[in-house]
Amino acid sequence: MLDLPVKLAVASQEGVAISEHFGHAKRFWIYSVTPDECRLLEQREVEHYCLGNHSSKTAMAGILEAIKDCHAVFVAKIGDGPVEKLEAIGVHAVTGYAWETIDESLIDYVRRTMAGEVVS
């Protein structure tokens, strides 16, 4: 069961849609969400993790620290390695709303999760 409001992180280029790949995000938009309301709390700047053919371990540590207080992170795409690291700190990676608008997606996620659906 979710404790409301739920704190959710979003990887977005422009703050309108879930439009950023996890490894390319330079900021995460942090929202407080209930089944009826989605409110932007802040933006948290991070170093992007994906550097072409390799990744930055220090950037990953910074991202995990930046979003560890969130229930889930919404991204357009994410690799298996980052998913495992997020799960290890209790943050779910959600890709099912890629390219959708943020507010409607987050409210839908909270409603579906509260109804017992597994949303990924």
C-alpha atoms as a PDB file:
ATOM      1  CA  MET A   1       0.000   0.000   0.000  1.00  0.00           C
ATOM      2  CA  LEU A   2       1.188   3.493  -0.804  1.00  0.00           C
ATOM      3  CA  ASP A   3       1.573   6.227   1.767  1.00  0.00           C
ATOM      4  CA  LEU A   4       0.014   9.382   0.344  1.00  0.00           C
ATOM      5  CA  PRO A   5       1.152  11.675  -1.007  1.00  0.00           C
ATOM      6  CA  VAL A   6       3.686   9.641  -2.992  1.00  0.00           C
ATOM      7  CA  LYS A   7       6.980  11.261  -3.978  1.00  0.00           C
ATOM      8  CA  LEU A   8       7.861  10.415  -7.596  1.00  0.00           C
ATOM      9  CA  ALA A   9      10.855  11.399  -9.744  1.00  0.00           C
ATOM     10  CA  VAL A  10      10.600  12.076 -13.480  1.00  0.00           C
ATOM     11  CA  ALA A  11      13.310  12.217 -16.122  1.00  0.00           C
ATOM     12  CA  SER A  12      12.135  14.920 -18.510  1.00  0.00           C
ATOM     13  CA  GLN A  13      13.884  17.224 -20.933  1.00  0.00           C
ATOM     14  CA  GLU A  14      11.257  19.956 -20.800  1.00  0.00           C
ATOM     15  CA  GLY A  15       9.020  19.260 -17.795  1.00  0.00           C
ATOM     16  CA  VAL A  16       5.940  18.363 -19.843  1.00  0.00           C
ATOM     17  CA  ALA A  17       6.407  14.712 -20.808  1.00  0.00           C
ATOM     18  CA  ILE A  18       8.354  11.703 -19.510  1.00  0.00           C
ATOM     19  CA  SER A  19      10.904  12.218 -22.247  1.00  0.00           C
ATOM     20  CA  GLU A  20      14.401  11.448 -20.999  1.00  0.00           C
ATOM     21  CA  HIS A  21      16.522   8.299 -20.919  1.00  0.00           C
ATOM     22  CA  PHE A  22      17.647   7.587 -17.342  1.00  0.00           C
ATOM     23  CA  GLY A  23      21.329   7.704 -18.265  1.00  0.00           C
ATOM     24  CA  HIS A  24      21.015  11.020 -20.102  1.00  0.00           C
ATOM     25  CA  ALA A  25      19.047  12.908 -17.448  1.00  0.00           C
ATOM     26  CA  LYS A  26      20.688  16.065 -16.126  1.00  0.00           C
ATOM     27  CA  ARG A  27      17.841  16.696 -13.701  1.00  0.00           C
ATOM     28  CA  PHE A  28      14.946  14.871 -12.108  1.00  0.00           C
ATOM     29  CA  TRP A  29      11.639  16.608 -11.550  1.00  0.00           C
ATOM     30  CA  ILE A  30      10.262  15.633  -8.134  1.00  0.00           C
ATOM     31  CA  TYR A  31       6.488  15.484  -7.633  1.00  0.00           C
ATOM     32  CA  SER A  32       4.117  14.922  -4.738  1.00  0.00           C
ATOM     33  CA  VAL A  33       1.205  12.831  -6.046  1.00  0.00           C
ATOM     34  CA  THR A  34      -2.191  11.681  -4.766  1.00  0.00           C
ATOM     35  CA  PRO A  35      -4.976  10.004  -6.772  1.00  0.00           C
ATOM     36  CA  ASP A  36      -6.364  13.489  -7.461  1.00  0.00           C
ATOM     37  CA  GLU A  37      -3.392  15.843  -7.607  1.00  0.00           C
ATOM     38  CA  CYS A  38       0.132  16.093  -8.992  1.00  0.00           C
ATOM     39  CA  ARG A  39       2.298  18.895  -7.604  1.00  0.00           C
ATOM     40  CA  LEU A  40       5.858  19.750  -8.630  1.00  0.00           C
ATOM     41  CA  LEU A  41       8.069  20.059  -5.556  1.00  0.00           C
ATOM     42  CA  GLU A  42      11.490  20.737  -7.047  1.00  0.00           C
ATOM     43  CA  GLN A  43      14.082  19.896  -9.680  1.00  0.00           C
ATOM     44  CA  ARG A  44      17.206  18.033  -8.607  1.00  0.00           C
ATOM     45  CA  GLU A  45      20.262  18.488 -10.807  1.00  0.00           C
ATOM     46  CA  VAL A  46      22.470  15.436 -11.434  1.00  0.00           C
ATOM     47  CA  GLU A  47      25.456  14.477 -13.548  1.00  0.00           C
ATOM     48  CA  HIS A  48      24.332  12.312 -16.454  1.00  0.00           C
ATOM     49  CA  TYR A  49      25.273   8.690 -16.072  1.00  0.00           C
ATOM     50  CA  CYS A  50      25.586   7.375 -19.634  1.00  0.00           C
ATOM     51  CA  LEU A  51      28.799   8.365 -21.397  1.00  0.00           C
ATOM     52  CA  GLY A  52      28.428   6.513 -24.677  1.00  0.00           C
ATOM     53  CA  ASN A  53      30.056   3.092 -24.413  1.00  0.00           C
ATOM     54  CA  HIS A  54      30.684   3.378 -20.672  1.00  0.00           C
ATOM     55  CA  SER A  55      29.066   4.850 -17.589  1.00  0.00           C
ATOM     56  CA  SER A  56      30.068   7.062 -14.684  1.00  0.00           C
ATOM     57  CA  LYS A  57      30.019   5.331 -11.287  1.00  0.00           C
ATOM     58  CA  THR A  58      30.201   8.663  -9.475  1.00  0.00           C
ATOM     59  CA  ALA A  59      27.255   9.968 -11.488  1.00  0.00           C
ATOM     60  CA  MET A  60      25.208   6.858 -10.621  1.00  0.00           C
ATOM     61  CA  ALA A  61      25.971   7.326  -6.920  1.00  0.00           C
ATOM     62  CA  GLY A  62      24.824  10.952  -7.188  1.00  0.00           C
ATOM     63  CA  ILE A  63      21.596   9.994  -8.978  1.00  0.00           C
ATOM     64  CA  LEU A  64      20.788   7.307  -6.406  1.00  0.00           C
ATOM     65  CA  GLU A  65      21.375   9.819  -3.619  1.00  0.00           C
ATOM     66  CA  ALA A  66      19.217  12.436  -5.374  1.00  0.00           C
ATOM     67  CA  ILE A  67      16.152  10.201  -5.790  1.00  0.00           C
ATOM     68  CA  LYS A  68      16.455   7.719  -2.905  1.00  0.00           C
ATOM     69  CA  ASP A  69      13.483   9.314  -1.104  1.00  0.00           C
ATOM     70  CA  CYS A  70      11.176   8.677  -4.086  1.00  0.00           C
ATOM     71  CA  HIS A  71       8.865   5.686  -4.496  1.00  0.00           C
ATOM     72  CA  ALA A  72       9.574   5.452  -8.239  1.00  0.00           C
ATOM     73  CA  VAL A  73      11.387   7.128 -11.111  1.00  0.00           C
ATOM     74  CA  PHE A  74       9.661   7.595 -14.473  1.00  0.00           C
ATOM     75  CA  VAL A  75      11.894   7.434 -17.543  1.00  0.00           C
ATOM     76  CA  ALA A  76      11.600   7.033 -21.304  1.00  0.00           C
ATOM     77  CA  LYS A  77      14.224   4.247 -21.230  1.00  0.00           C
ATOM     78  CA  ILE A  78      16.535   2.572 -18.736  1.00  0.00           C
ATOM     79  CA  GLY A  79      19.010  -0.310 -18.796  1.00  0.00           C
ATOM     80  CA  ASP A  80      18.973  -3.424 -16.614  1.00  0.00           C
ATOM     81  CA  GLY A  81      21.981  -2.347 -14.532  1.00  0.00           C
ATOM     82  CA  PRO A  82      20.418   0.915 -13.347  1.00  0.00           C
ATOM     83  CA  VAL A  83      17.096  -0.865 -12.702  1.00  0.00           C
ATOM     84  CA  GLU A  84      18.879  -3.268 -10.345  1.00  0.00           C
ATOM     85  CA  LYS A  85      20.655  -0.424  -8.528  1.00  0.00           C
ATOM     86  CA  LEU A  86      17.356   1.444  -8.108  1.00  0.00           C
ATOM     87  CA  GLU A  87      15.536  -1.650  -6.850  1.00  0.00           C
ATOM     88  CA  ALA A  88      18.329  -2.180  -4.298  1.00  0.00           C
ATOM     89  CA  ILE A  89      17.439   1.182  -2.693  1.00  0.00           C
ATOM     90  CA  GLY A  90      13.680   0.638  -2.985  1.00  0.00           C
ATOM     91  CA  VAL A  91      13.001   2.886  -5.995  1.00  0.00           C
ATOM     92  CA  HIS A  92      10.960   1.379  -8.842  1.00  0.00           C
ATOM     93  CA  ALA A  93      11.870   2.208 -12.446  1.00  0.00           C
ATOM     94  CA  VAL A  94       8.778   2.904 -14.566  1.00  0.00           C
ATOM     95  CA  THR A  95       8.962   3.018 -18.374  1.00  0.00           C
ATOM     96  CA  GLY A  96       5.335   2.290 -19.252  1.00  0.00           C
ATOM     97  CA  TYR A  97       4.463   5.979 -19.513  1.00  0.00           C
ATOM     98  CA  ALA A  98       7.335   6.982 -21.835  1.00  0.00           C
ATOM     99  CA  TRP A  99       6.544  10.097 -23.899  1.00  0.00           C
ATOM    100  CA  GLU A 100       3.236  10.651 -22.042  1.00  0.00           C
ATOM    101  CA  THR A 101       2.389  13.860 -20.162  1.00  0.00           C
ATOM    102  CA  ILE A 102       3.715  13.943 -16.620  1.00  0.00           C
ATOM    103  CA  ASP A 103       0.718  14.928 -14.484  1.00  0.00           C
ATOM    104  CA  GLU A 104      -1.767  12.489 -16.005  1.00  0.00           C
ATOM    105  CA  SER A 105       0.791   9.665 -15.989  1.00  0.00           C
ATOM    106  CA  LEU A 106       1.737  10.077 -12.341  1.00  0.00           C
ATOM    107  CA  ILE A 107      -1.879  10.286 -11.176  1.00  0.00           C
ATOM    108  CA  ASP A 108      -2.742   7.194 -13.251  1.00  0.00           C
ATOM    109  CA  TYR A 109       0.227   5.338 -11.730  1.00  0.00           C
ATOM    110  CA  VAL A 110      -0.856   6.170  -8.173  1.00  0.00           C
ATOM    111  CA  ARG A 111      -4.466   5.160  -8.855  1.00  0.00           C
ATOM    112  CA  ARG A 112      -3.460   1.875 -10.489  1.00  0.00           C
ATOM    113  CA  THR A 113      -0.878   1.049  -7.803  1.00  0.00           C
ATOM    114  CA  MET A 114      -3.429   1.718  -5.048  1.00  0.00           C
ATOM    115  CA  ALA A 115      -5.836  -0.623  -6.856  1.00  0.00           C
ATOM    116  CA  GLY A 116      -3.220  -3.375  -6.590  1.00  0.00           C
ATOM    117  CA  GLU A 117      -2.025  -3.338 -10.187  1.00  0.00           C
ATOM    118  CA  VAL A 118       1.650  -3.871 -10.919  1.00  0.00           C
ATOM    119  CA  VAL A 119       2.791  -0.963 -13.082  1.00  0.00           C
ATOM    120  CA  SER A 120       6.212  -0.916 -14.722  1.00  0.00           C
END
